[in-house]
């Protein structure tokens, strides 16, 4: 996983709900394949401004992976809102 501001990532992994185990597995597979992965759960310091950290990570990621539970998908509206 990359460690500094402005570093480039192959993937940004964000999750919502109870999919932490799946997120860890996806991260492990990607890093084993040599990809650089920014993981919201591990790479945003507790004292940091979450919005700024995620904004920087999104700008510096090639692809975005979002995992969420089936529960969350049932709350989505057709226009993409929650």
PDB file of N, CA and C in Angstrom:
ATOM      1  N   UNK A   1       0.837  -1.186   0.000  1.00  0.00           N
ATOM      2  CA  UNK A   1       0.000   0.000   0.000  1.00  0.00           C
ATOM      3  C   UNK A   1       0.882   1.249   0.000  1.00  0.00           C
ATOM      4  N   UNK A   2       0.470   2.224  -0.727  1.00  0.00           N
ATOM      5  CA  UNK A   2       1.223   3.472  -0.778  1.00  0.00           C
ATOM      6  C   UNK A   2       1.080   4.212   0.538  1.00  0.00           C
ATOM      7  N   UNK A   3       2.042   5.079   0.811  1.00  0.00           N
ATOM      8  CA  UNK A   3       2.027   5.690   2.136  1.00  0.00           C
ATOM      9  C   UNK A   3       2.091   7.207   2.173  1.00  0.00           C
ATOM     10  N   UNK A   4       2.335   7.871   1.097  1.00  0.00           N
ATOM     11  CA  UNK A   4       2.487   9.317   1.171  1.00  0.00           C
ATOM     12  C   UNK A   4       1.456  10.064   0.359  1.00  0.00           C
ATOM     13  N   UNK A   5       1.274  11.355   0.683  1.00  0.00           N
ATOM     14  CA  UNK A   5       0.310  12.159  -0.071  1.00  0.00           C
ATOM     15  C   UNK A   5       0.757  12.304  -1.520  1.00  0.00           C
ATOM     16  N   UNK A   6      -0.192  12.218  -2.420  1.00  0.00           N
ATOM     17  CA  UNK A   6       0.103  12.372  -3.830  1.00  0.00           C
ATOM     18  C   UNK A   6       0.681  11.132  -4.492  1.00  0.00           C
ATOM     19  N   UNK A   7       0.808  10.037  -3.752  1.00  0.00           N
ATOM     20  CA  UNK A   7       1.304   8.804  -4.366  1.00  0.00           C
ATOM     21  C   UNK A   7       0.239   8.237  -5.279  1.00  0.00           C
ATOM     22  N   UNK A   8       0.672   7.541  -6.316  1.00  0.00           N
ATOM     23  CA  UNK A   8      -0.250   6.947  -7.282  1.00  0.00           C
ATOM     24  C   UNK A   8      -0.631   5.540  -6.845  1.00  0.00           C
ATOM     25  N   UNK A   9      -1.877   5.199  -7.060  1.00  0.00           N
ATOM     26  CA  UNK A   9      -2.399   3.883  -6.722  1.00  0.00           C
ATOM     27  C   UNK A   9      -3.010   3.268  -7.976  1.00  0.00           C
ATOM     28  N   UNK A  10      -2.992   1.947  -8.020  1.00  0.00           N
ATOM     29  CA  UNK A  10      -3.715   1.268  -9.092  1.00  0.00           C
ATOM     30  C   UNK A  10      -5.199   1.205  -8.741  1.00  0.00           C
ATOM     31  N   UNK A  11      -5.486   1.004  -7.455  1.00  0.00           N
ATOM     32  CA  UNK A  11      -6.868   0.875  -7.002  1.00  0.00           C
ATOM     33  C   UNK A  11      -7.086   1.628  -5.703  1.00  0.00           C
ATOM     34  N   UNK A  12      -8.262   2.207  -5.571  1.00  0.00           N
ATOM     35  CA  UNK A  12      -8.748   2.730  -4.297  1.00  0.00           C
ATOM     36  C   UNK A  12      -9.884   1.800  -3.897  1.00  0.00           C
ATOM     37  N   UNK A  13      -9.803   1.229  -2.715  1.00  0.00           N
ATOM     38  CA  UNK A  13     -10.849   0.327  -2.255  1.00  0.00           C
ATOM     39  C   UNK A  13     -11.602   0.999  -1.114  1.00  0.00           C
ATOM     40  N   UNK A  14     -12.890   1.160  -1.308  1.00  0.00           N
ATOM     41  CA  UNK A  14     -13.757   1.743  -0.295  1.00  0.00           C
ATOM     42  C   UNK A  14     -14.849   0.737   0.009  1.00  0.00           C
ATOM     43  N   UNK A  15     -15.287   0.714   1.245  1.00  0.00           N
ATOM     44  CA  UNK A  15     -16.327  -0.251   1.590  1.00  0.00           C
ATOM     45  C   UNK A  15     -17.366   0.384   2.488  1.00  0.00           C
ATOM     46  N   UNK A  16     -18.504  -0.236   2.521  1.00  0.00           N
ATOM     47  CA  UNK A  16     -19.614   0.217   3.365  1.00  0.00           C
ATOM     48  C   UNK A  16     -20.291  -1.024   3.916  1.00  0.00           C
ATOM     49  N   UNK A  17     -20.624  -1.017   5.175  1.00  0.00           N
ATOM     50  CA  UNK A  17     -21.329  -2.142   5.759  1.00  0.00           C
ATOM     51  C   UNK A  17     -20.382  -3.230   6.239  1.00  0.00           C
ATOM     52  N   UNK A  18     -20.904  -4.428   6.285  1.00  0.00           N
ATOM     53  CA  UNK A  18     -20.188  -5.539   6.912  1.00  0.00           C
ATOM     54  C   UNK A  18     -19.373  -6.358   5.914  1.00  0.00           C
ATOM     55  N   UNK A  19     -18.667  -5.707   5.027  1.00  0.00           N
ATOM     56  CA  UNK A  19     -17.883  -6.425   4.038  1.00  0.00           C
ATOM     57  C   UNK A  19     -16.374  -6.262   4.264  1.00  0.00           C
ATOM     58  N   UNK A  20     -15.980  -6.004   5.502  1.00  0.00           N
ATOM     59  CA  UNK A  20     -14.560  -5.792   5.809  1.00  0.00           C
ATOM     60  C   UNK A  20     -13.716  -7.001   5.434  1.00  0.00           C
ATOM     61  N   UNK A  21     -14.208  -8.195   5.695  1.00  0.00           N
ATOM     62  CA  UNK A  21     -13.458  -9.403   5.375  1.00  0.00           C
ATOM     63  C   UNK A  21     -13.259  -9.540   3.873  1.00  0.00           C
ATOM     64  N   UNK A  22     -14.297  -9.275   3.114  1.00  0.00           N
ATOM     65  CA  UNK A  22     -14.194  -9.339   1.653  1.00  0.00           C
ATOM     66  C   UNK A  22     -13.227  -8.267   1.149  1.00  0.00           C
ATOM     67  N   UNK A  23     -13.309  -7.073   1.726  1.00  0.00           N
ATOM     68  CA  UNK A  23     -12.403  -5.990   1.334  1.00  0.00           C
ATOM     69  C   UNK A  23     -10.958  -6.390   1.585  1.00  0.00           C
ATOM     70  N   UNK A  24     -10.693  -7.024   2.705  1.00  0.00           N
ATOM     71  CA  UNK A  24      -9.338  -7.478   3.028  1.00  0.00           C
ATOM     72  C   UNK A  24      -8.867  -8.523   2.017  1.00  0.00           C
ATOM     73  N   UNK A  25      -9.755  -9.445   1.654  1.00  0.00           N
ATOM     74  CA  UNK A  25      -9.407 -10.482   0.678  1.00  0.00           C
ATOM     75  C   UNK A  25      -9.109  -9.875  -0.693  1.00  0.00           C
ATOM     76  N   UNK A  26      -9.936  -8.939  -1.119  1.00  0.00           N
ATOM     77  CA  UNK A  26      -9.711  -8.262  -2.404  1.00  0.00           C
ATOM     78  C   UNK A  26      -8.378  -7.526  -2.376  1.00  0.00           C
ATOM     79  N   UNK A  27      -8.119  -6.821  -1.290  1.00  0.00           N
ATOM     80  CA  UNK A  27      -6.851  -6.092  -1.136  1.00  0.00           C
ATOM     81  C   UNK A  27      -5.672  -7.050  -1.195  1.00  0.00           C
ATOM     82  N   UNK A  28      -5.762  -8.160  -0.480  1.00  0.00           N
ATOM     83  CA  UNK A  28      -4.669  -9.139  -0.466  1.00  0.00           C
ATOM     84  C   UNK A  28      -4.388  -9.677  -1.864  1.00  0.00           C
ATOM     85  N   UNK A  29      -5.438 -10.022  -2.606  1.00  0.00           N
ATOM     86  CA  UNK A  29      -5.256 -10.546  -3.965  1.00  0.00           C
ATOM     87  C   UNK A  29      -4.598  -9.496  -4.857  1.00  0.00           C
ATOM     88  N   UNK A  30      -5.084  -8.268  -4.782  1.00  0.00           N
ATOM     89  CA  UNK A  30      -4.521  -7.211  -5.628  1.00  0.00           C
ATOM     90  C   UNK A  30      -3.062  -6.931  -5.290  1.00  0.00           C
ATOM     91  N   UNK A  31      -2.737  -6.853  -4.005  1.00  0.00           N
ATOM     92  CA  UNK A  31      -1.346  -6.573  -3.620  1.00  0.00           C
ATOM     93  C   UNK A  31      -0.433  -7.746  -3.953  1.00  0.00           C
ATOM     94  N   UNK A  32      -0.938  -8.973  -3.838  1.00  0.00           N
ATOM     95  CA  UNK A  32      -0.142 -10.147  -4.225  1.00  0.00           C
ATOM     96  C   UNK A  32       0.176 -10.127  -5.717  1.00  0.00           C
ATOM     97  N   UNK A  33      -0.701  -9.540  -6.506  1.00  0.00           N
ATOM     98  CA  UNK A  33      -0.492  -9.428  -7.955  1.00  0.00           C
ATOM     99  C   UNK A  33       0.404  -8.239  -8.301  1.00  0.00           C
ATOM    100  N   UNK A  34       0.827  -7.493  -7.272  1.00  0.00           N
ATOM    101  CA  UNK A  34       1.740  -6.375  -7.495  1.00  0.00           C
ATOM    102  C   UNK A  34       1.087  -5.018  -7.660  1.00  0.00           C
ATOM    103  N   UNK A  35      -0.224  -4.925  -7.453  1.00  0.00           N
ATOM    104  CA  UNK A  35      -0.908  -3.639  -7.568  1.00  0.00           C
ATOM    105  C   UNK A  35      -0.750  -2.827  -6.290  1.00  0.00           C
ATOM    106  N   UNK A  36      -0.749  -1.514  -6.450  1.00  0.00           N
ATOM    107  CA  UNK A  36      -0.713  -0.604  -5.294  1.00  0.00           C
ATOM    108  C   UNK A  36      -2.155  -0.247  -4.962  1.00  0.00           C
ATOM    109  N   UNK A  37      -2.545  -0.492  -3.717  1.00  0.00           N
ATOM    110  CA  UNK A  37      -3.943  -0.336  -3.310  1.00  0.00           C
ATOM    111  C   UNK A  37      -4.031   0.628  -2.135  1.00  0.00           C
ATOM    112  N   UNK A  38      -4.917   1.610  -2.260  1.00  0.00           N
ATOM    113  CA  UNK A  38      -5.259   2.494  -1.144  1.00  0.00           C
ATOM    114  C   UNK A  38      -6.544   1.944  -0.553  1.00  0.00           C
ATOM    115  N   UNK A  39      -6.529   1.630   0.744  1.00  0.00           N
ATOM    116  CA  UNK A  39      -7.695   1.067   1.408  1.00  0.00           C
ATOM    117  C   UNK A  39      -8.183   2.067   2.454  1.00  0.00           C
ATOM    118  N   UNK A  40      -9.398   2.514   2.276  1.00  0.00           N
ATOM    119  CA  UNK A  40      -9.994   3.507   3.175  1.00  0.00           C
ATOM    120  C   UNK A  40      -9.815   3.118   4.644  1.00  0.00           C
ATOM    121  N   UNK A  41     -10.063   1.856   4.972  1.00  0.00           N
ATOM    122  CA  UNK A  41      -9.999   1.408   6.375  1.00  0.00           C
ATOM    123  C   UNK A  41      -8.616   1.525   6.993  1.00  0.00           C
ATOM    124  N   UNK A  42      -7.573   1.394   6.182  1.00  0.00           N
ATOM    125  CA  UNK A  42      -6.220   1.313   6.725  1.00  0.00           C
ATOM    126  C   UNK A  42      -5.339   2.498   6.382  1.00  0.00           C
ATOM    127  N   UNK A  43      -5.627   3.195   5.311  1.00  0.00           N
ATOM    128  CA  UNK A  43      -4.726   4.228   4.839  1.00  0.00           C
ATOM    129  C   UNK A  43      -5.153   5.656   5.167  1.00  0.00           C
ATOM    130  N   UNK A  44      -6.286   5.832   5.796  1.00  0.00           N
ATOM    131  CA  UNK A  44      -6.699   7.160   6.260  1.00  0.00           C
ATOM    132  C   UNK A  44      -6.410   7.220   7.753  1.00  0.00           C
ATOM    133  N   UNK A  45      -5.431   8.040   8.163  1.00  0.00           N
ATOM    134  CA  UNK A  45      -5.109   8.141   9.595  1.00  0.00           C
ATOM    135  C   UNK A  45      -6.310   8.622  10.405  1.00  0.00           C
ATOM    136  N   UNK A  46      -6.418   8.150  11.630  1.00  0.00           N
ATOM    137  CA  UNK A  46      -7.561   8.501  12.480  1.00  0.00           C
ATOM    138  C   UNK A  46      -7.715  10.009  12.681  1.00  0.00           C
ATOM    139  N   UNK A  47      -6.629  10.731  12.826  1.00  0.00           N
ATOM    140  CA  UNK A  47      -6.701  12.171  13.094  1.00  0.00           C
ATOM    141  C   UNK A  47      -6.825  13.004  11.818  1.00  0.00           C
ATOM    142  N   UNK A  48      -6.809  12.368  10.663  1.00  0.00           N
ATOM    143  CA  UNK A  48      -6.822  13.087   9.387  1.00  0.00           C
ATOM    144  C   UNK A  48      -8.229  13.562   9.024  1.00  0.00           C
ATOM    145  N   UNK A  49      -8.267  14.518   8.113  1.00  0.00           N
ATOM    146  CA  UNK A  49      -9.530  14.976   7.552  1.00  0.00           C
ATOM    147  C   UNK A  49      -9.958  13.941   6.508  1.00  0.00           C
ATOM    148  N   UNK A  50     -10.990  13.163   6.818  1.00  0.00           N
ATOM    149  CA  UNK A  50     -11.410  12.054   5.972  1.00  0.00           C
ATOM    150  C   UNK A  50     -11.731  12.508   4.551  1.00  0.00           C
ATOM    151  N   UNK A  51     -12.452  13.590   4.418  1.00  0.00           N
ATOM    152  CA  UNK A  51     -12.848  14.085   3.087  1.00  0.00           C
ATOM    153  C   UNK A  51     -11.613  14.421   2.250  1.00  0.00           C
ATOM    154  N   UNK A  52     -10.662  15.136   2.829  1.00  0.00           N
ATOM    155  CA  UNK A  52      -9.451  15.492   2.094  1.00  0.00           C
ATOM    156  C   UNK A  52      -8.633  14.266   1.712  1.00  0.00           C
ATOM    157  N   UNK A  53      -8.495  13.321   2.646  1.00  0.00           N
ATOM    158  CA  UNK A  53      -7.734  12.103   2.375  1.00  0.00           C
ATOM    159  C   UNK A  53      -8.363  11.299   1.233  1.00  0.00           C
ATOM    160  N   UNK A  54      -9.678  11.159   1.267  1.00  0.00           N
ATOM    161  CA  UNK A  54     -10.364  10.407   0.214  1.00  0.00           C
ATOM    162  C   UNK A  54     -10.293  11.143  -1.120  1.00  0.00           C
ATOM    163  N   UNK A  55     -10.408  12.464  -1.083  1.00  0.00           N
ATOM    164  CA  UNK A  55     -10.301  13.262  -2.306  1.00  0.00           C
ATOM    165  C   UNK A  55      -8.938  13.055  -2.956  1.00  0.00           C
ATOM    166  N   UNK A  56      -7.873  13.140  -2.156  1.00  0.00           N
ATOM    167  CA  UNK A  56      -6.527  12.928  -2.682  1.00  0.00           C
ATOM    168  C   UNK A  56      -6.357  11.505  -3.222  1.00  0.00           C
ATOM    169  N   UNK A  57      -6.891  10.535  -2.495  1.00  0.00           N
ATOM    170  CA  UNK A  57      -6.763   9.143  -2.931  1.00  0.00           C
ATOM    171  C   UNK A  57      -7.496   8.908  -4.251  1.00  0.00           C
ATOM    172  N   UNK A  58      -8.682   9.481  -4.389  1.00  0.00           N
ATOM    173  CA  UNK A  58      -9.446   9.328  -5.630  1.00  0.00           C
ATOM    174  C   UNK A  58      -8.694   9.965  -6.796  1.00  0.00           C
ATOM    175  N   UNK A  59      -8.133  11.146  -6.574  1.00  0.00           N
ATOM    176  CA  UNK A  59      -7.371  11.815  -7.634  1.00  0.00           C
ATOM    177  C   UNK A  59      -6.157  10.995  -8.055  1.00  0.00           C
ATOM    178  N   UNK A  60      -5.601  10.223  -7.126  1.00  0.00           N
ATOM    179  CA  UNK A  60      -4.364   9.497  -7.387  1.00  0.00           C
ATOM    180  C   UNK A  60      -4.567   8.008  -7.658  1.00  0.00           C
ATOM    181  N   UNK A  61      -5.803   7.596  -7.857  1.00  0.00           N
ATOM    182  CA  UNK A  61      -6.081   6.184  -8.146  1.00  0.00           C
ATOM    183  C   UNK A  61      -6.487   6.015  -9.603  1.00  0.00           C
ATOM    184  N   UNK A  62      -6.033   4.927 -10.187  1.00  0.00           N
ATOM    185  CA  UNK A  62      -6.402   4.618 -11.568  1.00  0.00           C
ATOM    186  C   UNK A  62      -7.820   4.070 -11.633  1.00  0.00           C
ATOM    187  N   UNK A  63      -8.167   3.192 -10.683  1.00  0.00           N
ATOM    188  CA  UNK A  63      -9.488   2.563 -10.637  1.00  0.00           C
ATOM    189  C   UNK A  63     -10.055   2.628  -9.224  1.00  0.00           C
ATOM    190  N   UNK A  64     -11.357   2.519  -9.130  1.00  0.00           N
ATOM    191  CA  UNK A  64     -12.060   2.573  -7.852  1.00  0.00           C
ATOM    192  C   UNK A  64     -12.847   1.288  -7.657  1.00  0.00           C
ATOM    193  N   UNK A  65     -12.716   0.674  -6.481  1.00  0.00           N
ATOM    194  CA  UNK A  65     -13.488  -0.510  -6.123  1.00  0.00           C
ATOM    195  C   UNK A  65     -14.326  -0.136  -4.908  1.00  0.00           C
ATOM    196  N   UNK A  66     -15.643  -0.304  -5.010  1.00  0.00           N
ATOM    197  CA  UNK A  66     -16.547  -0.004  -3.900  1.00  0.00           C
ATOM    198  C   UNK A  66     -17.289  -1.279  -3.548  1.00  0.00           C
ATOM    199  N   UNK A  67     -17.221  -1.674  -2.297  1.00  0.00           N
ATOM    200  CA  UNK A  67     -17.930  -2.859  -1.817  1.00  0.00           C
ATOM    201  C   UNK A  67     -18.983  -2.422  -0.817  1.00  0.00           C
ATOM    202  N   UNK A  68     -20.170  -2.981  -0.938  1.00  0.00           N
ATOM    203  CA  UNK A  68     -21.202  -2.703   0.047  1.00  0.00           C
ATOM    204  C   UNK A  68     -22.113  -3.909   0.169  1.00  0.00           C
ATOM    205  N   UNK A  69     -22.834  -3.965   1.262  1.00  0.00           N
ATOM    206  CA  UNK A  69     -23.702  -5.111   1.512  1.00  0.00           C
ATOM    207  C   UNK A  69     -24.965  -5.033   0.671  1.00  0.00           C
ATOM    208  N   UNK A  70     -25.615  -6.158   0.523  1.00  0.00           N
ATOM    209  CA  UNK A  70     -26.885  -6.203  -0.209  1.00  0.00           C
ATOM    210  C   UNK A  70     -27.886  -5.264   0.438  1.00  0.00           C
ATOM    211  N   UNK A  71     -27.841  -5.145   1.756  1.00  0.00           N
ATOM    212  CA  UNK A  71     -28.690  -4.223   2.494  1.00  0.00           C
ATOM    213  C   UNK A  71     -28.602  -2.813   1.928  1.00  0.00           C
ATOM    214  N   UNK A  72     -27.363  -2.356   1.699  1.00  0.00           N
ATOM    215  CA  UNK A  72     -27.153  -1.005   1.176  1.00  0.00           C
ATOM    216  C   UNK A  72     -27.736  -0.867  -0.227  1.00  0.00           C
ATOM    217  N   UNK A  73     -27.599  -1.890  -1.075  1.00  0.00           N
ATOM    218  CA  UNK A  73     -28.081  -1.763  -2.451  1.00  0.00           C
ATOM    219  C   UNK A  73     -29.605  -1.631  -2.495  1.00  0.00           C
ATOM    220  N   UNK A  74     -30.303  -2.208  -1.509  1.00  0.00           N
ATOM    221  CA  UNK A  74     -31.751  -2.103  -1.507  1.00  0.00           C
ATOM    222  C   UNK A  74     -32.223  -0.701  -1.150  1.00  0.00           C
ATOM    223  N   UNK A  75     -31.324   0.120  -0.585  1.00  0.00           N
ATOM    224  CA  UNK A  75     -31.690   1.487  -0.215  1.00  0.00           C
ATOM    225  C   UNK A  75     -31.396   2.487  -1.313  1.00  0.00           C
ATOM    226  N   UNK A  76     -30.750   2.061  -2.359  1.00  0.00           N
ATOM    227  CA  UNK A  76     -30.405   2.987  -3.450  1.00  0.00           C
ATOM    228  C   UNK A  76     -31.632   3.287  -4.298  1.00  0.00           C
ATOM    229  N   UNK A  77     -31.733   4.526  -4.719  1.00  0.00           N
ATOM    230  CA  UNK A  77     -32.831   4.934  -5.585  1.00  0.00           C
ATOM    231  C   UNK A  77     -32.379   4.845  -7.035  1.00  0.00           C
ATOM    232  N   UNK A  78     -33.295   4.823  -7.991  1.00  0.00           N
ATOM    233  CA  UNK A  78     -32.914   4.729  -9.408  1.00  0.00           C
ATOM    234  C   UNK A  78     -31.970   5.838  -9.870  1.00  0.00           C
ATOM    235  N   UNK A  79     -32.021   7.002  -9.229  1.00  0.00           N
ATOM    236  CA  UNK A  79     -31.142   8.097  -9.659  1.00  0.00           C
ATOM    237  C   UNK A  79     -29.762   8.020  -9.009  1.00  0.00           C
ATOM    238  N   UNK A  80     -29.495   6.944  -8.241  1.00  0.00           N
ATOM    239  CA  UNK A  80     -28.171   6.752  -7.645  1.00  0.00           C
ATOM    240  C   UNK A  80     -28.049   7.266  -6.234  1.00  0.00           C
ATOM    241  N   UNK A  81     -29.069   7.948  -5.718  1.00  0.00           N
ATOM    242  CA  UNK A  81     -28.993   8.465  -4.359  1.00  0.00           C
ATOM    243  C   UNK A  81     -29.306   7.394  -3.331  1.00  0.00           C
ATOM    244  N   UNK A  82     -29.062   7.715  -2.089  1.00  0.00           N
ATOM    245  CA  UNK A  82     -29.373   6.770  -1.013  1.00  0.00           C
ATOM    246  C   UNK A  82     -30.653   7.169  -0.315  1.00  0.00           C
TER     247      UNK A  82
END
